[in-house]
């Protein structure tokens, strides 16, 4: 498995289904900790790491090694542990075992597990589980959604992003990470309502046709966005950066940090966006959970 061109559509679909199984299994660990005691501490960047993050990541990394031996894994807790990063191969996994940790610790249900296979700088298969909501999305060539039943994906159905509604856009915002640049981008669009939702669940809602746009001008990491990026794109939407291109994954920076982006259910919105050239907000100052969407 060396690049996007060598992975067939059926193979990507099989990989995505496997990632959904793994994400749901990790979600069961998170559910056990949710709304109960969950020891946690701050990482060097100021974001929280909990026992739930670590245990879920251990399960995911072990499962990926067993099912896809030889493929590198970049996982949040390990990547931010201070260990030096090696050079990535063209094909690798990006893993966020618990996206939205601070909201999770506060007891809110919209946290997620994100797993993506990247090949040639773009995700080609992905899963995004929302254990607290009982939902899981996954995508190879197309996006599927299922309820989570007994810790596994239930009966799946294809989902599709929706065109711009005549009444106006439903925008999704981050509960803890608003900024003036994001507000300015949205002000230029026909937004009817803005709803606050935690974690990468926002991408799943856009892919399912339940919302239209998510703009993020503050800092995020590659493992925050890769799974949701592919799930939106395979549902007919897109995730764009300044200039209208896609996010490219596997950069060899010290922290795998993204710049500004927008997830859109209807790609026709892309030319109307004016994203800033670089991330805004507290990117240079560590703050609690600053890198989570």
C-alpha atoms as a PDB file:
ATOM      1  CA  UNK A   1       0.000   0.000   0.000  1.00  0.00           C
ATOM      2  CA  UNK A   2       2.137   2.856  -1.270  1.00  0.00           C
ATOM      3  CA  UNK A   3      -0.151   5.588  -2.601  1.00  0.00           C
ATOM      4  CA  UNK A   4      -3.655   6.693  -3.422  1.00  0.00           C
ATOM      5  CA  UNK A   5      -3.411   5.479  -7.023  1.00  0.00           C
ATOM      6  CA  UNK A   6      -2.623   1.933  -5.916  1.00  0.00           C
ATOM      7  CA  UNK A   7      -5.601   1.578  -3.534  1.00  0.00           C
ATOM      8  CA  UNK A   8      -8.757   0.504  -5.352  1.00  0.00           C
ATOM      9  CA  UNK A   9     -12.218   1.750  -4.454  1.00  0.00           C
ATOM     10  CA  UNK A  10     -13.309  -1.612  -2.961  1.00  0.00           C
ATOM     11  CA  UNK A  11     -10.104  -1.768  -0.928  1.00  0.00           C
ATOM     12  CA  UNK A  12     -10.634   1.747   0.414  1.00  0.00           C
ATOM     13  CA  UNK A  13     -14.197   0.784   1.346  1.00  0.00           C
ATOM     14  CA  UNK A  14     -12.929  -2.289   3.200  1.00  0.00           C
ATOM     15  CA  UNK A  15     -10.279  -0.263   5.017  1.00  0.00           C
ATOM     16  CA  UNK A  16     -12.831   2.382   6.022  1.00  0.00           C
ATOM     17  CA  UNK A  17     -15.196  -0.266   7.431  1.00  0.00           C
ATOM     18  CA  UNK A  18     -12.326  -1.681   9.482  1.00  0.00           C
ATOM     19  CA  UNK A  19     -11.471   1.795  10.777  1.00  0.00           C
ATOM     20  CA  UNK A  20     -15.112   2.243  11.809  1.00  0.00           C
ATOM     21  CA  UNK A  21     -14.950  -0.973  13.838  1.00  0.00           C
ATOM     22  CA  UNK A  22     -11.757   0.198  15.545  1.00  0.00           C
ATOM     23  CA  UNK A  23     -13.157   3.682  16.219  1.00  0.00           C
ATOM     24  CA  UNK A  24     -16.293   2.231  17.796  1.00  0.00           C
ATOM     25  CA  UNK A  25     -14.215  -0.077  20.002  1.00  0.00           C
ATOM     26  CA  UNK A  26     -12.157   2.904  21.172  1.00  0.00           C
ATOM     27  CA  UNK A  27     -15.411   4.766  21.739  1.00  0.00           C
ATOM     28  CA  UNK A  28     -16.481   2.149  24.262  1.00  0.00           C
ATOM     29  CA  UNK A  29     -13.419   3.025  26.324  1.00  0.00           C
ATOM     30  CA  UNK A  30     -14.378   6.696  26.206  1.00  0.00           C
ATOM     31  CA  UNK A  31     -17.958   5.928  27.191  1.00  0.00           C
ATOM     32  CA  UNK A  32     -16.737   4.147  30.324  1.00  0.00           C
ATOM     33  CA  UNK A  33     -14.865   7.265  31.418  1.00  0.00           C
ATOM     34  CA  UNK A  34     -17.447   9.834  30.331  1.00  0.00           C
ATOM     35  CA  UNK A  35     -19.250  11.644  33.130  1.00  0.00           C
ATOM     36  CA  UNK A  36     -17.155   9.748  35.667  1.00  0.00           C
ATOM     37  CA  UNK A  37     -13.698  10.094  37.232  1.00  0.00           C
ATOM     38  CA  UNK A  38     -11.108  10.545  34.484  1.00  0.00           C
ATOM     39  CA  UNK A  39      -7.579  11.458  35.605  1.00  0.00           C
ATOM     40  CA  UNK A  40      -6.006  14.080  33.370  1.00  0.00           C
ATOM     41  CA  UNK A  41      -3.077  16.474  33.091  1.00  0.00           C
ATOM     42  CA  UNK A  42      -1.848  19.222  30.790  1.00  0.00           C
ATOM     43  CA  UNK A  43       0.500  18.497  27.896  1.00  0.00           C
ATOM     44  CA  UNK A  44       3.369  20.866  27.000  1.00  0.00           C
ATOM     45  CA  UNK A  45       1.110  22.771  24.593  1.00  0.00           C
ATOM     46  CA  UNK A  46      -1.401  23.423  27.368  1.00  0.00           C
ATOM     47  CA  UNK A  47      -4.091  21.051  26.064  1.00  0.00           C
ATOM     48  CA  UNK A  48      -5.455  18.317  28.339  1.00  0.00           C
ATOM     49  CA  UNK A  49      -4.565  14.656  28.102  1.00  0.00           C
ATOM     50  CA  UNK A  50      -6.688  12.179  30.020  1.00  0.00           C
ATOM     51  CA  UNK A  51      -6.573   8.525  30.921  1.00  0.00           C
ATOM     52  CA  UNK A  52      -9.343   8.061  28.354  1.00  0.00           C
ATOM     53  CA  UNK A  53      -7.189   9.583  25.566  1.00  0.00           C
ATOM     54  CA  UNK A  54      -4.261   7.318  26.386  1.00  0.00           C
ATOM     55  CA  UNK A  55      -6.231   4.087  26.766  1.00  0.00           C
ATOM     56  CA  UNK A  56      -8.237   4.691  23.583  1.00  0.00           C
ATOM     57  CA  UNK A  57      -5.070   5.538  21.641  1.00  0.00           C
ATOM     58  CA  UNK A  58      -3.354   2.362  22.865  1.00  0.00           C
ATOM     59  CA  UNK A  59      -6.278   0.289  21.575  1.00  0.00           C
ATOM     60  CA  UNK A  60      -6.319   2.054  18.191  1.00  0.00           C
ATOM     61  CA  UNK A  61      -2.568   1.843  17.619  1.00  0.00           C
ATOM     62  CA  UNK A  62      -2.500  -1.846  18.527  1.00  0.00           C
ATOM     63  CA  UNK A  63      -5.490  -2.592  16.302  1.00  0.00           C
ATOM     64  CA  UNK A  64      -3.962  -0.742  13.344  1.00  0.00           C
ATOM     65  CA  UNK A  65      -0.669  -2.576  13.799  1.00  0.00           C
ATOM     66  CA  UNK A  66      -2.523  -5.888  13.796  1.00  0.00           C
ATOM     67  CA  UNK A  67      -4.731  -5.165  10.780  1.00  0.00           C
ATOM     68  CA  UNK A  68      -2.325  -3.029   8.727  1.00  0.00           C
ATOM     69  CA  UNK A  69       1.214  -4.070   9.682  1.00  0.00           C
ATOM     70  CA  UNK A  70       4.006  -1.880   8.415  1.00  0.00           C
ATOM     71  CA  UNK A  71       1.958   1.297   7.966  1.00  0.00           C
ATOM     72  CA  UNK A  72       3.145   4.205  10.134  1.00  0.00           C
ATOM     73  CA  UNK A  73       0.762   5.737  12.660  1.00  0.00           C
ATOM     74  CA  UNK A  74       0.816   9.369  13.786  1.00  0.00           C
ATOM     75  CA  UNK A  75      -1.342   9.500  16.915  1.00  0.00           C
ATOM     76  CA  UNK A  76      -1.955  12.609  18.983  1.00  0.00           C
ATOM     77  CA  UNK A  77      -0.766  11.473  22.396  1.00  0.00           C
ATOM     78  CA  UNK A  78       2.413   9.892  21.063  1.00  0.00           C
ATOM     79  CA  UNK A  79       3.121  12.777  18.683  1.00  0.00           C
ATOM     80  CA  UNK A  80       2.847  15.314  21.509  1.00  0.00           C
ATOM     81  CA  UNK A  81       4.793  13.260  24.050  1.00  0.00           C
ATOM     82  CA  UNK A  82       8.052  14.960  23.126  1.00  0.00           C
ATOM     83  CA  UNK A  83       9.477  12.035  21.162  1.00  0.00           C
ATOM     84  CA  UNK A  84      11.251  13.131  17.945  1.00  0.00           C
ATOM     85  CA  UNK A  85       9.201  12.584  14.792  1.00  0.00           C
ATOM     86  CA  UNK A  86      10.676  10.435  12.048  1.00  0.00           C
ATOM     87  CA  UNK A  87      10.178  10.960   8.358  1.00  0.00           C
ATOM     88  CA  UNK A  88       6.739   9.757   7.282  1.00  0.00           C
ATOM     89  CA  UNK A  89       6.159   7.368   4.430  1.00  0.00           C
ATOM     90  CA  UNK A  90       3.747   8.381   1.678  1.00  0.00           C
ATOM     91  CA  UNK A  91       1.029   6.261   3.325  1.00  0.00           C
ATOM     92  CA  UNK A  92       0.276   6.561   7.048  1.00  0.00           C
ATOM     93  CA  UNK A  93      -2.551   6.772   9.571  1.00  0.00           C
ATOM     94  CA  UNK A  94      -3.558   9.906  11.482  1.00  0.00           C
ATOM     95  CA  UNK A  95      -5.299   9.216  14.803  1.00  0.00           C
ATOM     96  CA  UNK A  96      -7.045  11.397  17.351  1.00  0.00           C
ATOM     97  CA  UNK A  97      -8.305   9.000  20.043  1.00  0.00           C
ATOM     98  CA  UNK A  98     -10.427  11.648  21.761  1.00  0.00           C
ATOM     99  CA  UNK A  99     -11.200  14.863  19.927  1.00  0.00           C
ATOM    100  CA  UNK A 100     -12.711  17.518  22.180  1.00  0.00           C
ATOM    101  CA  UNK A 101     -11.074  16.378  25.414  1.00  0.00           C
ATOM    102  CA  UNK A 102     -12.011  19.409  27.470  1.00  0.00           C
ATOM    103  CA  UNK A 103     -15.686  19.161  26.509  1.00  0.00           C
ATOM    104  CA  UNK A 104     -15.497  15.424  27.232  1.00  0.00           C
ATOM    105  CA  UNK A 105     -14.150  16.120  30.716  1.00  0.00           C
ATOM    106  CA  UNK A 106     -16.966  18.646  31.214  1.00  0.00           C
ATOM    107  CA  UNK A 107     -19.527  15.925  30.454  1.00  0.00           C
ATOM    108  CA  UNK A 108     -20.781  17.028  27.033  1.00  0.00           C
ATOM    109  CA  UNK A 109     -21.603  14.228  24.560  1.00  0.00           C
ATOM    110  CA  UNK A 110     -20.227  15.609  21.284  1.00  0.00           C
ATOM    111  CA  UNK A 111     -16.688  14.225  21.405  1.00  0.00           C
ATOM    112  CA  UNK A 112     -15.231  11.957  18.729  1.00  0.00           C
ATOM    113  CA  UNK A 113     -12.684   9.337  17.672  1.00  0.00           C
ATOM    114  CA  UNK A 114     -10.922  10.207  14.395  1.00  0.00           C
ATOM    115  CA  UNK A 115      -8.913   7.763  12.258  1.00  0.00           C
ATOM    116  CA  UNK A 116      -7.748   8.451   8.692  1.00  0.00           C
ATOM    117  CA  UNK A 117      -5.502   6.691   6.198  1.00  0.00           C
ATOM    118  CA  UNK A 118      -3.462   9.241   4.253  1.00  0.00           C
ATOM    119  CA  UNK A 119      -1.844   8.424   0.899  1.00  0.00           C
ATOM    120  CA  UNK A 120      -0.129  11.003  -1.257  1.00  0.00           C
ATOM    121  CA  UNK A 121      -0.868  13.833   1.206  1.00  0.00           C
ATOM    122  CA  UNK A 122      -4.636  13.263   1.160  1.00  0.00           C
ATOM    123  CA  UNK A 123      -6.937  11.007   3.229  1.00  0.00           C
ATOM    124  CA  UNK A 124      -8.305   8.081   1.218  1.00  0.00           C
ATOM    125  CA  UNK A 125     -10.212   6.154   3.920  1.00  0.00           C
ATOM    126  CA  UNK A 126     -11.500   7.357   7.279  1.00  0.00           C
ATOM    127  CA  UNK A 127     -13.791   6.793  10.224  1.00  0.00           C
ATOM    128  CA  UNK A 128     -15.269   9.246  12.705  1.00  0.00           C
ATOM    129  CA  UNK A 129     -17.141   7.849  15.709  1.00  0.00           C
ATOM    130  CA  UNK A 130     -19.271   9.943  18.055  1.00  0.00           C
ATOM    131  CA  UNK A 131     -19.738   7.548  21.010  1.00  0.00           C
ATOM    132  CA  UNK A 132     -21.719   9.999  23.110  1.00  0.00           C
ATOM    133  CA  UNK A 133     -24.221  10.473  20.284  1.00  0.00           C
ATOM    134  CA  UNK A 134     -24.324   6.813  19.233  1.00  0.00           C
ATOM    135  CA  UNK A 135     -23.259   7.613  15.651  1.00  0.00           C
ATOM    136  CA  UNK A 136     -20.371   6.620  13.398  1.00  0.00           C
ATOM    137  CA  UNK A 137     -19.424   7.779   9.896  1.00  0.00           C
ATOM    138  CA  UNK A 138     -16.873   6.186   7.596  1.00  0.00           C
ATOM    139  CA  UNK A 139     -15.765   6.748   4.021  1.00  0.00           C
ATOM    140  CA  UNK A 140     -13.743   5.108   1.288  1.00  0.00           C
ATOM    141  CA  UNK A 141     -15.103   6.213  -2.092  1.00  0.00           C
ATOM    142  CA  UNK A 142     -18.461   7.118  -0.464  1.00  0.00           C
ATOM    143  CA  UNK A 143     -19.640   8.136   2.995  1.00  0.00           C
ATOM    144  CA  UNK A 144     -21.732   5.823   5.156  1.00  0.00           C
ATOM    145  CA  UNK A 145     -23.337   6.385   8.546  1.00  0.00           C
ATOM    146  CA  UNK A 146     -24.599   3.900  11.105  1.00  0.00           C
ATOM    147  CA  UNK A 147     -25.811   3.861  14.679  1.00  0.00           C
ATOM    148  CA  UNK A 148     -23.406   2.393  17.189  1.00  0.00           C
ATOM    149  CA  UNK A 149     -24.915  -0.855  18.491  1.00  0.00           C
ATOM    150  CA  UNK A 150     -23.172  -2.779  21.286  1.00  0.00           C
ATOM    151  CA  UNK A 151     -19.908  -1.034  20.529  1.00  0.00           C
ATOM    152  CA  UNK A 152     -19.987  -1.770  16.794  1.00  0.00           C
ATOM    153  CA  UNK A 153     -21.371  -0.087  13.681  1.00  0.00           C
ATOM    154  CA  UNK A 154     -24.974  -1.079  13.049  1.00  0.00           C
ATOM    155  CA  UNK A 155     -26.845  -1.094   9.741  1.00  0.00           C
ATOM    156  CA  UNK A 156     -25.215   1.458   7.436  1.00  0.00           C
ATOM    157  CA  UNK A 157     -26.752   3.892   4.984  1.00  0.00           C
ATOM    158  CA  UNK A 158     -25.073   6.248   2.502  1.00  0.00           C
ATOM    159  CA  UNK A 159     -25.223   9.947   3.352  1.00  0.00           C
ATOM    160  CA  UNK A 160     -24.754  13.025   1.204  1.00  0.00           C
ATOM    161  CA  UNK A 161     -23.990  16.656   1.887  1.00  0.00           C
ATOM    162  CA  UNK A 162     -26.751  19.025   0.866  1.00  0.00           C
ATOM    163  CA  UNK A 163     -26.834  21.992  -1.526  1.00  0.00           C
ATOM    164  CA  UNK A 164     -27.156  25.480  -0.079  1.00  0.00           C
ATOM    165  CA  UNK A 165     -30.676  25.741   1.407  1.00  0.00           C
ATOM    166  CA  UNK A 166     -32.836  28.554   0.074  1.00  0.00           C
ATOM    167  CA  UNK A 167     -33.584  29.734   3.598  1.00  0.00           C
ATOM    168  CA  UNK A 168     -29.884  30.188   4.438  1.00  0.00           C
ATOM    169  CA  UNK A 169     -26.934  28.306   5.860  1.00  0.00           C
ATOM    170  CA  UNK A 170     -26.644  26.411   9.116  1.00  0.00           C
ATOM    171  CA  UNK A 171     -23.108  27.118  10.314  1.00  0.00           C
ATOM    172  CA  UNK A 172     -21.345  25.056  12.960  1.00  0.00           C
ATOM    173  CA  UNK A 173     -18.971  26.699  15.388  1.00  0.00           C
ATOM    174  CA  UNK A 174     -16.531  25.534  18.036  1.00  0.00           C
ATOM    175  CA  UNK A 175     -17.888  25.846  21.535  1.00  0.00           C
ATOM    176  CA  UNK A 176     -14.602  27.147  22.968  1.00  0.00           C
ATOM    177  CA  UNK A 177     -12.646  28.548  20.027  1.00  0.00           C
ATOM    178  CA  UNK A 178     -14.415  31.442  18.318  1.00  0.00           C
ATOM    179  CA  UNK A 179     -12.377  34.272  16.784  1.00  0.00           C
ATOM    180  CA  UNK A 180     -12.933  37.478  14.836  1.00  0.00           C
ATOM    181  CA  UNK A 181     -11.531  36.080  11.554  1.00  0.00           C
ATOM    182  CA  UNK A 182     -14.047  33.225  11.577  1.00  0.00           C
ATOM    183  CA  UNK A 183     -16.875  35.653  12.323  1.00  0.00           C
ATOM    184  CA  UNK A 184     -15.756  37.840   9.401  1.00  0.00           C
ATOM    185  CA  UNK A 185     -15.764  34.881   6.985  1.00  0.00           C
ATOM    186  CA  UNK A 186     -19.264  33.870   8.017  1.00  0.00           C
ATOM    187  CA  UNK A 187     -20.563  37.452   7.864  1.00  0.00           C
ATOM    188  CA  UNK A 188     -20.033  37.433   4.082  1.00  0.00           C
ATOM    189  CA  UNK A 189     -22.321  34.408   3.644  1.00  0.00           C
ATOM    190  CA  UNK A 190     -26.112  33.951   3.990  1.00  0.00           C
ATOM    191  CA  UNK A 191     -25.961  32.314   7.432  1.00  0.00           C
ATOM    192  CA  UNK A 192     -29.385  31.772   8.956  1.00  0.00           C
ATOM    193  CA  UNK A 193     -28.206  30.115  12.172  1.00  0.00           C
ATOM    194  CA  UNK A 194     -24.953  29.246  13.934  1.00  0.00           C
ATOM    195  CA  UNK A 195     -24.885  26.233  16.226  1.00  0.00           C
ATOM    196  CA  UNK A 196     -22.100  25.325  18.650  1.00  0.00           C
ATOM    197  CA  UNK A 197     -20.900  21.719  18.369  1.00  0.00           C
ATOM    198  CA  UNK A 198     -17.791  20.115  19.837  1.00  0.00           C
ATOM    199  CA  UNK A 199     -15.016  18.152  18.135  1.00  0.00           C
ATOM    200  CA  UNK A 200     -14.912  16.706  14.619  1.00  0.00           C
ATOM    201  CA  UNK A 201     -18.586  15.763  14.946  1.00  0.00           C
ATOM    202  CA  UNK A 202     -19.122  18.945  12.912  1.00  0.00           C
ATOM    203  CA  UNK A 203     -17.713  17.219   9.824  1.00  0.00           C
ATOM    204  CA  UNK A 204     -20.084  14.284  10.261  1.00  0.00           C
ATOM    205  CA  UNK A 205     -23.105  16.570  10.493  1.00  0.00           C
ATOM    206  CA  UNK A 206     -22.101  18.374   7.294  1.00  0.00           C
ATOM    207  CA  UNK A 207     -21.550  15.056   5.491  1.00  0.00           C
ATOM    208  CA  UNK A 208     -24.986  13.875   6.615  1.00  0.00           C
ATOM    209  CA  UNK A 209     -26.695  16.967   5.195  1.00  0.00           C
ATOM    210  CA  UNK A 210     -27.606  18.316   8.644  1.00  0.00           C
ATOM    211  CA  UNK A 211     -25.471  21.460   8.421  1.00  0.00           C
ATOM    212  CA  UNK A 212     -23.722  23.488   5.728  1.00  0.00           C
ATOM    213  CA  UNK A 213     -20.468  25.082   6.822  1.00  0.00           C
ATOM    214  CA  UNK A 214     -17.750  24.969   9.458  1.00  0.00           C
ATOM    215  CA  UNK A 215     -15.063  27.656   9.302  1.00  0.00           C
ATOM    216  CA  UNK A 216     -12.002  27.407  11.525  1.00  0.00           C
ATOM    217  CA  UNK A 217      -9.368  30.138  11.424  1.00  0.00           C
ATOM    218  CA  UNK A 218      -7.721  29.213  14.720  1.00  0.00           C
ATOM    219  CA  UNK A 219      -5.123  26.446  15.066  1.00  0.00           C
ATOM    220  CA  UNK A 220      -5.914  22.755  14.665  1.00  0.00           C
ATOM    221  CA  UNK A 221      -3.764  19.673  14.106  1.00  0.00           C
ATOM    222  CA  UNK A 222      -3.746  17.238  11.205  1.00  0.00           C
ATOM    223  CA  UNK A 223      -5.245  14.451  13.337  1.00  0.00           C
ATOM    224  CA  UNK A 224      -8.148  16.767  14.226  1.00  0.00           C
ATOM    225  CA  UNK A 225      -9.238  17.178  10.616  1.00  0.00           C
ATOM    226  CA  UNK A 226      -8.070  14.323   8.351  1.00  0.00           C
ATOM    227  CA  UNK A 227     -10.921  11.897   9.047  1.00  0.00           C
ATOM    228  CA  UNK A 228     -13.632  14.550   8.855  1.00  0.00           C
ATOM    229  CA  UNK A 229     -12.065  16.055   5.748  1.00  0.00           C
ATOM    230  CA  UNK A 230     -12.392  12.788   3.835  1.00  0.00           C
ATOM    231  CA  UNK A 231     -15.865  12.031   5.189  1.00  0.00           C
ATOM    232  CA  UNK A 232     -17.149  15.423   3.975  1.00  0.00           C
ATOM    233  CA  UNK A 233     -15.412  15.123   0.583  1.00  0.00           C
ATOM    234  CA  UNK A 234     -16.710  11.589  -0.058  1.00  0.00           C
ATOM    235  CA  UNK A 235     -20.238  12.842   0.750  1.00  0.00           C
ATOM    236  CA  UNK A 236     -20.011  15.463  -1.998  1.00  0.00           C
ATOM    237  CA  UNK A 237     -18.735  18.417   0.016  1.00  0.00           C
ATOM    238  CA  UNK A 238     -15.223  19.777   0.347  1.00  0.00           C
ATOM    239  CA  UNK A 239     -12.717  21.114   2.870  1.00  0.00           C
ATOM    240  CA  UNK A 240     -10.680  24.034   1.548  1.00  0.00           C
ATOM    241  CA  UNK A 241      -7.788  26.217   2.665  1.00  0.00           C
ATOM    242  CA  UNK A 242      -6.963  29.810   1.584  1.00  0.00           C
ATOM    243  CA  UNK A 243      -6.861  29.839  -2.201  1.00  0.00           C
ATOM    244  CA  UNK A 244      -9.468  27.084  -2.480  1.00  0.00           C
ATOM    245  CA  UNK A 245      -7.210  24.026  -2.476  1.00  0.00           C
ATOM    246  CA  UNK A 246      -7.412  21.000  -0.144  1.00  0.00           C
ATOM    247  CA  UNK A 247      -5.508  20.427   3.081  1.00  0.00           C
ATOM    248  CA  UNK A 248      -2.266  18.534   2.435  1.00  0.00           C
ATOM    249  CA  UNK A 249      -1.305  16.064   5.160  1.00  0.00           C
ATOM    250  CA  UNK A 250       2.070  14.746   6.261  1.00  0.00           C
ATOM    251  CA  UNK A 251       3.945  18.003   6.588  1.00  0.00           C
ATOM    252  CA  UNK A 252       7.184  17.576   8.486  1.00  0.00           C
ATOM    253  CA  UNK A 253       6.676  20.490  10.867  1.00  0.00           C
ATOM    254  CA  UNK A 254       7.210  20.075  14.596  1.00  0.00           C
ATOM    255  CA  UNK A 255       3.529  19.838  15.476  1.00  0.00           C
ATOM    256  CA  UNK A 256       1.503  18.826  12.353  1.00  0.00           C
ATOM    257  CA  UNK A 257      -0.417  22.087  12.599  1.00  0.00           C
ATOM    258  CA  UNK A 258      -3.094  23.132  10.095  1.00  0.00           C
ATOM    259  CA  UNK A 259      -3.810  26.622   8.869  1.00  0.00           C
ATOM    260  CA  UNK A 260      -7.302  28.080   8.375  1.00  0.00           C
ATOM    261  CA  UNK A 261      -9.873  25.926   6.589  1.00  0.00           C
ATOM    262  CA  UNK A 262     -13.580  25.650   5.853  1.00  0.00           C
ATOM    263  CA  UNK A 263     -15.685  22.494   5.580  1.00  0.00           C
ATOM    264  CA  UNK A 264     -18.510  23.015   3.087  1.00  0.00           C
ATOM    265  CA  UNK A 265     -21.485  20.855   2.257  1.00  0.00           C
ATOM    266  CA  UNK A 266     -21.860  22.637  -1.081  1.00  0.00           C
ATOM    267  CA  UNK A 267     -18.551  23.286  -2.900  1.00  0.00           C
ATOM    268  CA  UNK A 268     -20.146  26.244  -4.719  1.00  0.00           C
ATOM    269  CA  UNK A 269     -19.599  28.254  -1.518  1.00  0.00           C
ATOM    270  CA  UNK A 270     -15.797  28.026  -1.791  1.00  0.00           C
ATOM    271  CA  UNK A 271     -15.256  31.036  -4.091  1.00  0.00           C
ATOM    272  CA  UNK A 272     -17.226  33.220  -1.683  1.00  0.00           C
ATOM    273  CA  UNK A 273     -14.893  32.544   1.261  1.00  0.00           C
ATOM    274  CA  UNK A 274     -12.089  34.864   2.315  1.00  0.00           C
ATOM    275  CA  UNK A 275      -9.993  32.760   4.678  1.00  0.00           C
ATOM    276  CA  UNK A 276      -6.982  34.462   6.280  1.00  0.00           C
ATOM    277  CA  UNK A 277      -3.572  33.328   5.042  1.00  0.00           C
ATOM    278  CA  UNK A 278      -2.491  31.896   8.399  1.00  0.00           C
ATOM    279  CA  UNK A 279      -4.091  30.678  11.602  1.00  0.00           C
ATOM    280  CA  UNK A 280      -5.490  33.380  13.854  1.00  0.00           C
ATOM    281  CA  UNK A 281      -6.120  33.419  17.571  1.00  0.00           C
ATOM    282  CA  UNK A 282      -3.854  32.054  20.324  1.00  0.00           C
ATOM    283  CA  UNK A 283      -1.638  29.879  18.091  1.00  0.00           C
ATOM    284  CA  UNK A 284       1.582  31.160  19.634  1.00  0.00           C
ATOM    285  CA  UNK A 285       0.376  31.003  23.246  1.00  0.00           C
ATOM    286  CA  UNK A 286      -0.403  27.619  24.833  1.00  0.00           C
ATOM    287  CA  UNK A 287      -3.983  27.521  26.087  1.00  0.00           C
ATOM    288  CA  UNK A 288      -6.114  24.743  27.436  1.00  0.00           C
ATOM    289  CA  UNK A 289      -7.326  22.592  24.509  1.00  0.00           C
ATOM    290  CA  UNK A 290      -6.277  25.278  22.033  1.00  0.00           C
ATOM    291  CA  UNK A 291      -5.654  22.795  19.225  1.00  0.00           C
ATOM    292  CA  UNK A 292      -8.982  20.976  19.275  1.00  0.00           C
ATOM    293  CA  UNK A 293     -11.770  21.896  16.850  1.00  0.00           C
END
